[in-house]
Amino acid sequence: MTSGSTRDQVLVVTGMGDMGVAVAHRLGSGATVVLADVDEPRLARVEEALAGAGYAVHTVRTDVSSAEDVTALARVASSLGPIRSLVHTAGVSPVQASAEQIIAVDLVGTARVLDAFEPHVRPGTVAVCIASMAAILMPVAPETLALLAVTPTEELATLPVLDPSTLEPGIAYSLAKRGVQVRVEAASVAWGRRGGRVVSISPGVIATAQGTAELAGPSGDTMRGMVELSACRRLGTPDEIAAAAEFLVSPAASLVTGTDLLVDGGVVAAIRHQSAAEGSAHAS
């Protein structure tokens, strides 16, 4: 194998749900693919499927809420070659977890991943973190955003605004994902000094097992209503999120860092403009 081939580079994907698997399939050709998930049987199933399709796969059982686990993941991945891209999809949703678990996994877990991989960033390394459309729809005070962005990771869960006893899971999820967006903004500065980039993707309602569970839960009718209101009027697919990630890690996106890409089929735009139209009608 010649030096500098893509096989010498590493793709890390956390979370082996439908979205993570789609990312691994789409971005992993020719690279060494490192898969991480807390569920070992799921990891084994995905490893077997990808290896059978010709991918070079390594797995690392990882609980992203654990600093020790995430540090070990970064160490293993970097030992296999220069890290070309990291796509962090690991997370839990309101129907799956308590407010405390959502904060620990979705927000603190993302902060841990960004912290652990920063020392291994080289020129061209790109991280993509999964946020959510829900983050954009939730108003958050500027002073709270500043705290979410720069509070040291070990202190993050102790912020009063993140007290799980005061949060419903749905609110915790929106707040955690808004935190992901601003952690990405802040991390882009340090990553940029090493020649790397960090971005986030905010999916809308996606046809994954997690998305299906949410549609069957207490917020399902609201979510269906938002999809119906949107320009595209359909659920997104995991591969569409993987395609967005593919663009963001590519040289074509070399000027894109410290920002979020909304991939929601026009839901947020429709909600915002419907509200504006209703406000104008009431004022007339």
C-alpha atoms as a PDB file:
ATOM      1  CA  MET A   1       0.000   0.000   0.000  1.00  0.00           C
ATOM      2  CA  THR A   2       1.403   3.405  -0.916  1.00  0.00           C
ATOM      3  CA  SER A   3       1.896   6.091   1.684  1.00  0.00           C
ATOM      4  CA  GLY A   4      -0.931   8.607   1.843  1.00  0.00           C
ATOM      5  CA  SER A   5      -3.626   6.239   0.587  1.00  0.00           C
ATOM      6  CA  THR A   6      -7.061   6.567   2.128  1.00  0.00           C
ATOM      7  CA  ARG A   7      -6.543   3.247   3.919  1.00  0.00           C
ATOM      8  CA  ASP A   8      -3.849   5.016   5.961  1.00  0.00           C
ATOM      9  CA  GLN A   9      -6.551   7.355   7.246  1.00  0.00           C
ATOM     10  CA  VAL A  10      -9.156   6.730   9.909  1.00  0.00           C
ATOM     11  CA  LEU A  11     -12.888   7.380  10.008  1.00  0.00           C
ATOM     12  CA  VAL A  12     -14.435   7.282  13.485  1.00  0.00           C
ATOM     13  CA  VAL A  13     -18.193   6.873  13.835  1.00  0.00           C
ATOM     14  CA  THR A  14     -19.865   6.905  17.236  1.00  0.00           C
ATOM     15  CA  GLY A  15     -23.353   5.482  17.647  1.00  0.00           C
ATOM     16  CA  MET A  16     -24.441   2.467  15.635  1.00  0.00           C
ATOM     17  CA  GLY A  17     -28.033   3.490  15.103  1.00  0.00           C
ATOM     18  CA  ASP A  18     -29.379   3.868  11.574  1.00  0.00           C
ATOM     19  CA  MET A  19     -27.675   7.221  11.101  1.00  0.00           C
ATOM     20  CA  GLY A  20     -24.259   6.023  12.249  1.00  0.00           C
ATOM     21  CA  VAL A  21     -24.452   2.919  10.084  1.00  0.00           C
ATOM     22  CA  ALA A  22     -25.384   5.028   7.041  1.00  0.00           C
ATOM     23  CA  VAL A  23     -22.411   7.302   7.717  1.00  0.00           C
ATOM     24  CA  ALA A  24     -20.029   4.344   8.017  1.00  0.00           C
ATOM     25  CA  HIS A  25     -21.253   2.883   4.732  1.00  0.00           C
ATOM     26  CA  ARG A  26     -21.074   6.184   2.872  1.00  0.00           C
ATOM     27  CA  LEU A  27     -17.777   7.545   4.206  1.00  0.00           C
ATOM     28  CA  GLY A  28     -15.853   4.401   5.060  1.00  0.00           C
ATOM     29  CA  SER A  29     -14.788   3.072   1.667  1.00  0.00           C
ATOM     30  CA  GLY A  30     -11.018   2.752   1.551  1.00  0.00           C
ATOM     31  CA  ALA A  31     -10.475   4.034   5.094  1.00  0.00           C
ATOM     32  CA  THR A  32      -9.895   2.276   8.375  1.00  0.00           C
ATOM     33  CA  VAL A  33     -13.298   2.534  10.051  1.00  0.00           C
ATOM     34  CA  VAL A  34     -13.479   2.709  13.836  1.00  0.00           C
ATOM     35  CA  LEU A  35     -16.968   2.079  15.194  1.00  0.00           C
ATOM     36  CA  ALA A  36     -18.023   2.975  18.723  1.00  0.00           C
ATOM     37  CA  ASP A  37     -21.193   2.179  20.640  1.00  0.00           C
ATOM     38  CA  VAL A  38     -22.165   1.273  24.192  1.00  0.00           C
ATOM     39  CA  ASP A  39     -24.055  -1.814  22.944  1.00  0.00           C
ATOM     40  CA  GLU A  40     -21.512  -4.574  22.226  1.00  0.00           C
ATOM     41  CA  PRO A  41     -23.905  -6.959  20.409  1.00  0.00           C
ATOM     42  CA  ARG A  42     -24.977  -4.104  18.121  1.00  0.00           C
ATOM     43  CA  LEU A  43     -21.330  -3.236  17.476  1.00  0.00           C
ATOM     44  CA  ALA A  44     -20.634  -6.840  16.557  1.00  0.00           C
ATOM     45  CA  ARG A  45     -23.558  -6.968  14.117  1.00  0.00           C
ATOM     46  CA  VAL A  46     -22.505  -3.784  12.347  1.00  0.00           C
ATOM     47  CA  GLU A  47     -18.864  -4.901  12.265  1.00  0.00           C
ATOM     48  CA  GLU A  48     -19.837  -8.198  10.656  1.00  0.00           C
ATOM     49  CA  ALA A  49     -21.993  -6.496   8.032  1.00  0.00           C
ATOM     50  CA  LEU A  50     -19.379  -3.886   7.111  1.00  0.00           C
ATOM     51  CA  ALA A  51     -16.494  -6.346   7.094  1.00  0.00           C
ATOM     52  CA  GLY A  52     -18.547  -8.618   4.853  1.00  0.00           C
ATOM     53  CA  ALA A  53     -18.975  -5.708   2.458  1.00  0.00           C
ATOM     54  CA  GLY A  54     -15.226  -5.147   2.257  1.00  0.00           C
ATOM     55  CA  TYR A  55     -14.652  -2.438   4.855  1.00  0.00           C
ATOM     56  CA  ALA A  56     -11.663  -2.470   7.229  1.00  0.00           C
ATOM     57  CA  VAL A  57     -13.356  -2.247  10.625  1.00  0.00           C
ATOM     58  CA  HIS A  58     -12.279  -1.887  14.240  1.00  0.00           C
ATOM     59  CA  THR A  59     -14.743  -1.637  17.109  1.00  0.00           C
ATOM     60  CA  VAL A  60     -14.379  -0.025  20.519  1.00  0.00           C
ATOM     61  CA  ARG A  61     -17.121  -0.429  23.093  1.00  0.00           C
ATOM     62  CA  THR A  62     -17.705   3.143  24.257  1.00  0.00           C
ATOM     63  CA  ASP A  63     -20.047   4.886  26.643  1.00  0.00           C
ATOM     64  CA  VAL A  64     -19.676   8.492  25.504  1.00  0.00           C
ATOM     65  CA  SER A  65     -20.736   9.772  28.921  1.00  0.00           C
ATOM     66  CA  SER A  66     -17.568   8.184  30.352  1.00  0.00           C
ATOM     67  CA  ALA A  67     -14.382  10.262  30.089  1.00  0.00           C
ATOM     68  CA  GLU A  68     -12.285   7.095  30.403  1.00  0.00           C
ATOM     69  CA  ASP A  69     -14.136   5.350  27.557  1.00  0.00           C
ATOM     70  CA  VAL A  70     -13.921   8.322  25.212  1.00  0.00           C
ATOM     71  CA  THR A  71     -10.236   8.869  25.922  1.00  0.00           C
ATOM     72  CA  ALA A  72      -9.598   5.198  25.164  1.00  0.00           C
ATOM     73  CA  LEU A  73     -11.542   5.481  21.908  1.00  0.00           C
ATOM     74  CA  ALA A  74      -9.464   8.454  20.776  1.00  0.00           C
ATOM     75  CA  ARG A  75      -6.250   6.652  21.715  1.00  0.00           C
ATOM     76  CA  VAL A  76      -7.181   3.498  19.778  1.00  0.00           C
ATOM     77  CA  ALA A  77      -8.365   5.430  16.725  1.00  0.00           C
ATOM     78  CA  SER A  78      -5.240   7.577  16.555  1.00  0.00           C
ATOM     79  CA  SER A  79      -3.017   4.495  16.859  1.00  0.00           C
ATOM     80  CA  LEU A  80      -4.461   3.175  13.597  1.00  0.00           C
ATOM     81  CA  GLY A  81      -3.480   6.199  11.526  1.00  0.00           C
ATOM     82  CA  PRO A  82      -4.219   9.896  11.087  1.00  0.00           C
ATOM     83  CA  ILE A  83      -7.842  10.680  11.852  1.00  0.00           C
ATOM     84  CA  ARG A  84      -9.439  11.998   8.679  1.00  0.00           C
ATOM     85  CA  SER A  85     -12.947  12.408  10.041  1.00  0.00           C
ATOM     86  CA  LEU A  86     -15.019  11.850  13.142  1.00  0.00           C
ATOM     87  CA  VAL A  87     -18.801  11.662  12.914  1.00  0.00           C
ATOM     88  CA  HIS A  88     -20.403  11.687  16.330  1.00  0.00           C
ATOM     89  CA  THR A  89     -23.970  10.361  16.111  1.00  0.00           C
ATOM     90  CA  ALA A  90     -24.229   8.696  19.531  1.00  0.00           C
ATOM     91  CA  GLY A  91     -27.171   9.989  21.513  1.00  0.00           C
ATOM     92  CA  VAL A  92     -30.483   9.248  23.204  1.00  0.00           C
ATOM     93  CA  SER A  93     -33.924  10.762  22.680  1.00  0.00           C
ATOM     94  CA  PRO A  94     -36.798  11.759  25.011  1.00  0.00           C
ATOM     95  CA  VAL A  95     -38.689   8.479  24.649  1.00  0.00           C
ATOM     96  CA  GLN A  96     -35.541   6.485  25.400  1.00  0.00           C
ATOM     97  CA  ALA A  97     -34.052   8.258  28.368  1.00  0.00           C
ATOM     98  CA  SER A  98     -34.496  10.500  31.382  1.00  0.00           C
ATOM     99  CA  ALA A  99     -33.483  14.150  31.413  1.00  0.00           C
ATOM    100  CA  GLU A 100     -30.354  13.203  33.362  1.00  0.00           C
ATOM    101  CA  GLN A 101     -29.340  10.582  30.791  1.00  0.00           C
ATOM    102  CA  ILE A 102     -29.987  12.976  27.906  1.00  0.00           C
ATOM    103  CA  ILE A 103     -27.724  15.633  29.413  1.00  0.00           C
ATOM    104  CA  ALA A 104     -25.027  13.044  30.196  1.00  0.00           C
ATOM    105  CA  VAL A 105     -25.023  11.413  26.755  1.00  0.00           C
ATOM    106  CA  ASP A 106     -26.125  14.049  24.272  1.00  0.00           C
ATOM    107  CA  LEU A 107     -24.389  17.107  25.696  1.00  0.00           C
ATOM    108  CA  VAL A 108     -21.628  16.007  28.065  1.00  0.00           C
ATOM    109  CA  GLY A 109     -20.851  13.062  25.778  1.00  0.00           C
ATOM    110  CA  THR A 110     -20.332  15.396  22.830  1.00  0.00           C
ATOM    111  CA  ALA A 111     -18.115  17.664  24.921  1.00  0.00           C
ATOM    112  CA  ARG A 112     -16.050  14.636  25.968  1.00  0.00           C
ATOM    113  CA  VAL A 113     -15.630  13.528  22.358  1.00  0.00           C
ATOM    114  CA  LEU A 114     -14.482  16.966  21.223  1.00  0.00           C
ATOM    115  CA  ASP A 115     -12.056  17.196  24.151  1.00  0.00           C
ATOM    116  CA  ALA A 116     -10.590  13.724  23.693  1.00  0.00           C
ATOM    117  CA  PHE A 117     -10.006  13.980  19.957  1.00  0.00           C
ATOM    118  CA  GLU A 118      -8.593  17.507  19.901  1.00  0.00           C
ATOM    119  CA  PRO A 119      -4.995  16.401  20.679  1.00  0.00           C
ATOM    120  CA  HIS A 120      -5.158  14.027  17.696  1.00  0.00           C
ATOM    121  CA  VAL A 121      -6.302  16.645  15.185  1.00  0.00           C
ATOM    122  CA  ARG A 122      -4.062  17.112  12.164  1.00  0.00           C
ATOM    123  CA  PRO A 123      -4.437  19.410   9.168  1.00  0.00           C
ATOM    124  CA  GLY A 124      -7.572  18.230   7.377  1.00  0.00           C
ATOM    125  CA  THR A 125      -9.207  16.445  10.312  1.00  0.00           C
ATOM    126  CA  VAL A 126     -12.950  17.157  10.455  1.00  0.00           C
ATOM    127  CA  ALA A 127     -15.487  16.395  13.187  1.00  0.00           C
ATOM    128  CA  VAL A 128     -19.229  16.353  12.542  1.00  0.00           C
ATOM    129  CA  CYS A 129     -21.510  16.265  15.581  1.00  0.00           C
ATOM    130  CA  ILE A 130     -25.218  15.527  15.383  1.00  0.00           C
ATOM    131  CA  ALA A 131     -27.411  18.195  16.955  1.00  0.00           C
ATOM    132  CA  SER A 132     -31.138  18.540  16.178  1.00  0.00           C
ATOM    133  CA  MET A 133     -33.808  20.714  14.623  1.00  0.00           C
ATOM    134  CA  ALA A 134     -35.256  20.826  18.146  1.00  0.00           C
ATOM    135  CA  ALA A 135     -32.299  22.943  19.251  1.00  0.00           C
ATOM    136  CA  ILE A 136     -33.093  25.642  16.722  1.00  0.00           C
ATOM    137  CA  LEU A 137     -36.731  25.812  17.770  1.00  0.00           C
ATOM    138  CA  MET A 138     -35.875  26.328  21.440  1.00  0.00           C
ATOM    139  CA  PRO A 139     -35.181  29.901  22.630  1.00  0.00           C
ATOM    140  CA  VAL A 140     -32.143  30.051  24.905  1.00  0.00           C
ATOM    141  CA  ALA A 141     -30.820  33.170  26.628  1.00  0.00           C
ATOM    142  CA  PRO A 142     -27.415  34.417  25.394  1.00  0.00           C
ATOM    143  CA  GLU A 143     -25.866  34.078  28.852  1.00  0.00           C
ATOM    144  CA  THR A 144     -26.998  30.448  28.981  1.00  0.00           C
ATOM    145  CA  LEU A 145     -25.535  29.768  25.555  1.00  0.00           C
ATOM    146  CA  ALA A 146     -22.218  31.193  26.711  1.00  0.00           C
ATOM    147  CA  LEU A 147     -22.195  28.815  29.683  1.00  0.00           C
ATOM    148  CA  LEU A 148     -23.101  25.826  27.513  1.00  0.00           C
ATOM    149  CA  ALA A 149     -20.330  26.727  25.079  1.00  0.00           C
ATOM    150  CA  VAL A 150     -17.338  27.156  27.352  1.00  0.00           C
ATOM    151  CA  THR A 151     -18.002  25.600  30.774  1.00  0.00           C
ATOM    152  CA  PRO A 152     -15.336  22.929  31.380  1.00  0.00           C
ATOM    153  CA  THR A 153     -16.711  19.527  30.487  1.00  0.00           C
ATOM    154  CA  GLU A 154     -16.387  18.110  34.007  1.00  0.00           C
ATOM    155  CA  GLU A 155     -18.522  20.976  35.347  1.00  0.00           C
ATOM    156  CA  LEU A 156     -21.065  21.078  32.534  1.00  0.00           C
ATOM    157  CA  ALA A 157     -23.710  18.819  34.085  1.00  0.00           C
ATOM    158  CA  THR A 158     -23.642  20.863  37.296  1.00  0.00           C
ATOM    159  CA  LEU A 159     -24.948  24.028  35.642  1.00  0.00           C
ATOM    160  CA  PRO A 160     -28.268  25.015  37.292  1.00  0.00           C
ATOM    161  CA  VAL A 161     -29.916  25.321  33.867  1.00  0.00           C
ATOM    162  CA  LEU A 162     -29.180  21.617  33.301  1.00  0.00           C
ATOM    163  CA  ASP A 163     -30.566  20.394  36.628  1.00  0.00           C
ATOM    164  CA  PRO A 164     -32.448  17.253  35.540  1.00  0.00           C
ATOM    165  CA  SER A 165     -34.961  17.592  38.380  1.00  0.00           C
ATOM    166  CA  THR A 166     -36.286  20.750  36.693  1.00  0.00           C
ATOM    167  CA  LEU A 167     -36.396  19.453  33.119  1.00  0.00           C
ATOM    168  CA  GLU A 168     -38.796  17.286  31.177  1.00  0.00           C
ATOM    169  CA  PRO A 169     -36.953  14.925  28.789  1.00  0.00           C
ATOM    170  CA  GLY A 170     -38.131  16.852  25.729  1.00  0.00           C
ATOM    171  CA  ILE A 171     -36.816  20.154  27.070  1.00  0.00           C
ATOM    172  CA  ALA A 172     -33.592  18.484  28.203  1.00  0.00           C
ATOM    173  CA  TYR A 173     -33.139  17.128  24.686  1.00  0.00           C
ATOM    174  CA  SER A 174     -33.643  20.496  22.999  1.00  0.00           C
ATOM    175  CA  LEU A 175     -31.324  22.194  25.484  1.00  0.00           C
ATOM    176  CA  ALA A 176     -28.672  19.493  25.163  1.00  0.00           C
ATOM    177  CA  LYS A 177     -28.697  19.709  21.381  1.00  0.00           C
ATOM    178  CA  ARG A 178     -28.493  23.512  21.506  1.00  0.00           C
ATOM    179  CA  GLY A 179     -25.502  22.948  23.718  1.00  0.00           C
ATOM    180  CA  VAL A 180     -23.993  20.684  21.054  1.00  0.00           C
ATOM    181  CA  GLN A 181     -24.266  23.495  18.517  1.00  0.00           C
ATOM    182  CA  VAL A 182     -22.465  26.028  20.696  1.00  0.00           C
ATOM    183  CA  ARG A 183     -19.832  23.538  21.903  1.00  0.00           C
ATOM    184  CA  VAL A 184     -19.037  22.980  18.228  1.00  0.00           C
ATOM    185  CA  GLU A 185     -18.704  26.729  17.687  1.00  0.00           C
ATOM    186  CA  ALA A 186     -16.321  27.076  20.615  1.00  0.00           C
ATOM    187  CA  ALA A 187     -14.298  23.944  19.772  1.00  0.00           C
ATOM    188  CA  SER A 188     -13.711  25.118  16.215  1.00  0.00           C
ATOM    189  CA  VAL A 189     -11.201  27.682  17.487  1.00  0.00           C
ATOM    190  CA  ALA A 190      -8.910  25.143  19.157  1.00  0.00           C
ATOM    191  CA  TRP A 191      -9.368  22.617  16.364  1.00  0.00           C
ATOM    192  CA  GLY A 192      -8.610  25.310  13.804  1.00  0.00           C
ATOM    193  CA  ARG A 193      -5.248  26.032  15.408  1.00  0.00           C
ATOM    194  CA  ARG A 194      -4.328  22.435  14.633  1.00  0.00           C
ATOM    195  CA  GLY A 195      -5.641  22.649  11.065  1.00  0.00           C
ATOM    196  CA  GLY A 196      -8.939  20.891  11.753  1.00  0.00           C
ATOM    197  CA  ARG A 197     -12.597  21.781  11.411  1.00  0.00           C
ATOM    198  CA  VAL A 198     -15.678  21.106  13.555  1.00  0.00           C
ATOM    199  CA  VAL A 199     -19.284  21.378  12.384  1.00  0.00           C
ATOM    200  CA  SER A 200     -22.697  20.123  13.443  1.00  0.00           C
ATOM    201  CA  ILE A 201     -25.727  18.834  11.570  1.00  0.00           C
ATOM    202  CA  SER A 202     -29.240  19.418  12.874  1.00  0.00           C
ATOM    203  CA  PRO A 203     -31.506  16.748  11.397  1.00  0.00           C
ATOM    204  CA  GLY A 204     -35.249  17.141  11.274  1.00  0.00           C
ATOM    205  CA  VAL A 205     -37.553  14.143  11.636  1.00  0.00           C
ATOM    206  CA  ILE A 206     -35.549  11.233  10.224  1.00  0.00           C
ATOM    207  CA  ALA A 207     -36.806   7.740   9.462  1.00  0.00           C
ATOM    208  CA  THR A 208     -34.619   5.896  11.948  1.00  0.00           C
ATOM    209  CA  ALA A 209     -35.599   3.496  14.707  1.00  0.00           C
ATOM    210  CA  GLN A 210     -35.151   6.369  17.152  1.00  0.00           C
ATOM    211  CA  GLY A 211     -37.270   8.672  14.986  1.00  0.00           C
ATOM    212  CA  THR A 212     -39.994   6.059  14.684  1.00  0.00           C
ATOM    213  CA  ALA A 213     -40.050   5.662  18.466  1.00  0.00           C
ATOM    214  CA  GLU A 214     -40.457   9.415  18.869  1.00  0.00           C
ATOM    215  CA  LEU A 215     -43.296   9.456  16.342  1.00  0.00           C
ATOM    216  CA  ALA A 216     -45.033   6.799  18.422  1.00  0.00           C
ATOM    217  CA  GLY A 217     -44.487   8.776  21.619  1.00  0.00           C
ATOM    218  CA  PRO A 218     -46.226  11.744  23.242  1.00  0.00           C
ATOM    219  CA  SER A 219     -44.792  14.256  20.739  1.00  0.00           C
ATOM    220  CA  GLY A 220     -45.642  12.173  17.674  1.00  0.00           C
ATOM    221  CA  ASP A 221     -48.658  14.193  16.553  1.00  0.00           C
ATOM    222  CA  THR A 222     -46.713  17.446  16.854  1.00  0.00           C
ATOM    223  CA  MET A 223     -43.833  16.019  14.850  1.00  0.00           C
ATOM    224  CA  ARG A 224     -46.141  14.744  12.113  1.00  0.00           C
ATOM    225  CA  GLY A 225     -47.790  18.137  11.978  1.00  0.00           C
ATOM    226  CA  MET A 226     -44.428  19.849  11.529  1.00  0.00           C
ATOM    227  CA  VAL A 227     -43.474  17.481   8.704  1.00  0.00           C
ATOM    228  CA  GLU A 228     -46.794  18.100   6.985  1.00  0.00           C
ATOM    229  CA  LEU A 229     -46.247  21.849   7.279  1.00  0.00           C
ATOM    230  CA  SER A 230     -42.768  21.686   5.748  1.00  0.00           C
ATOM    231  CA  ALA A 231     -41.835  22.255   2.126  1.00  0.00           C
ATOM    232  CA  CYS A 232     -40.708  18.654   1.551  1.00  0.00           C
ATOM    233  CA  ARG A 233     -43.606  17.094   3.505  1.00  0.00           C
ATOM    234  CA  ARG A 234     -41.772  13.856   4.234  1.00  0.00           C
ATOM    235  CA  LEU A 235     -39.409  12.262   6.687  1.00  0.00           C
ATOM    236  CA  GLY A 236     -35.707  12.437   6.011  1.00  0.00           C
ATOM    237  CA  THR A 237     -33.603   9.324   5.540  1.00  0.00           C
ATOM    238  CA  PRO A 238     -30.417   8.317   7.348  1.00  0.00           C
ATOM    239  CA  ASP A 239     -28.548   8.387   4.046  1.00  0.00           C
ATOM    240  CA  GLU A 240     -29.511  12.039   3.539  1.00  0.00           C
ATOM    241  CA  ILE A 241     -27.812  12.876   6.827  1.00  0.00           C
ATOM    242  CA  ALA A 242     -24.826  10.781   5.773  1.00  0.00           C
ATOM    243  CA  ALA A 243     -24.709  12.717   2.476  1.00  0.00           C
ATOM    244  CA  ALA A 244     -24.615  15.993   4.402  1.00  0.00           C
ATOM    245  CA  ALA A 245     -21.777  14.633   6.539  1.00  0.00           C
ATOM    246  CA  GLU A 246     -19.951  13.511   3.391  1.00  0.00           C
ATOM    247  CA  PHE A 247     -20.035  17.066   2.066  1.00  0.00           C
ATOM    248  CA  LEU A 248     -18.939  18.593   5.368  1.00  0.00           C
ATOM    249  CA  VAL A 249     -15.875  16.354   5.741  1.00  0.00           C
ATOM    250  CA  SER A 250     -14.855  16.864   2.112  1.00  0.00           C
ATOM    251  CA  PRO A 251     -12.417  19.474   0.721  1.00  0.00           C
ATOM    252  CA  ALA A 252     -15.436  21.138  -0.902  1.00  0.00           C
ATOM    253  CA  ALA A 253     -16.405  22.348   2.598  1.00  0.00           C
ATOM    254  CA  SER A 254     -12.914  23.505   3.571  1.00  0.00           C
ATOM    255  CA  LEU A 255     -14.180  26.959   4.616  1.00  0.00           C
ATOM    256  CA  VAL A 256     -17.038  25.567   6.718  1.00  0.00           C
ATOM    257  CA  THR A 257     -16.331  25.294  10.433  1.00  0.00           C
ATOM    258  CA  GLY A 258     -17.835  26.328  13.749  1.00  0.00           C
ATOM    259  CA  THR A 259     -21.365  26.283  12.392  1.00  0.00           C
ATOM    260  CA  ASP A 260     -24.480  24.135  12.028  1.00  0.00           C
ATOM    261  CA  LEU A 261     -26.157  22.708   8.934  1.00  0.00           C
ATOM    262  CA  LEU A 262     -29.926  22.329   9.258  1.00  0.00           C
ATOM    263  CA  VAL A 263     -31.217  19.293   7.318  1.00  0.00           C
ATOM    264  CA  ASP A 264     -34.930  19.281   8.109  1.00  0.00           C
ATOM    265  CA  GLY A 265     -36.845  19.428   4.850  1.00  0.00           C
ATOM    266  CA  GLY A 266     -37.877  23.019   5.568  1.00  0.00           C
ATOM    267  CA  VAL A 267     -39.647  22.439   8.895  1.00  0.00           C
ATOM    268  CA  VAL A 268     -37.995  25.316  10.761  1.00  0.00           C
ATOM    269  CA  ALA A 269     -38.532  27.711   7.865  1.00  0.00           C
ATOM    270  CA  ALA A 270     -42.215  26.776   7.641  1.00  0.00           C
ATOM    271  CA  ILE A 271     -42.753  27.206  11.379  1.00  0.00           C
ATOM    272  CA  ARG A 272     -41.026  30.580  11.419  1.00  0.00           C
ATOM    273  CA  HIS A 273     -42.873  31.947   8.431  1.00  0.00           C
ATOM    274  CA  GLN A 274     -46.223  30.578   9.536  1.00  0.00           C
ATOM    275  CA  SER A 275     -45.782  32.431  12.833  1.00  0.00           C
ATOM    276  CA  ALA A 276     -44.831  35.618  11.002  1.00  0.00           C
ATOM    277  CA  ALA A 277     -47.855  35.345   8.731  1.00  0.00           C
ATOM    278  CA  GLU A 278     -50.178  34.780  11.686  1.00  0.00           C
ATOM    279  CA  GLY A 279     -48.683  37.777  13.503  1.00  0.00           C
ATOM    280  CA  SER A 280     -49.195  39.979  10.452  1.00  0.00           C
ATOM    281  CA  ALA A 281     -52.828  38.863  10.127  1.00  0.00           C
ATOM    282  CA  HIS A 282     -53.535  39.646  13.783  1.00  0.00           C
ATOM    283  CA  ALA A 283     -51.947  43.095  13.435  1.00  0.00           C
ATOM    284  CA  SER A 284     -54.026  44.067  10.418  1.00  0.00           C
END
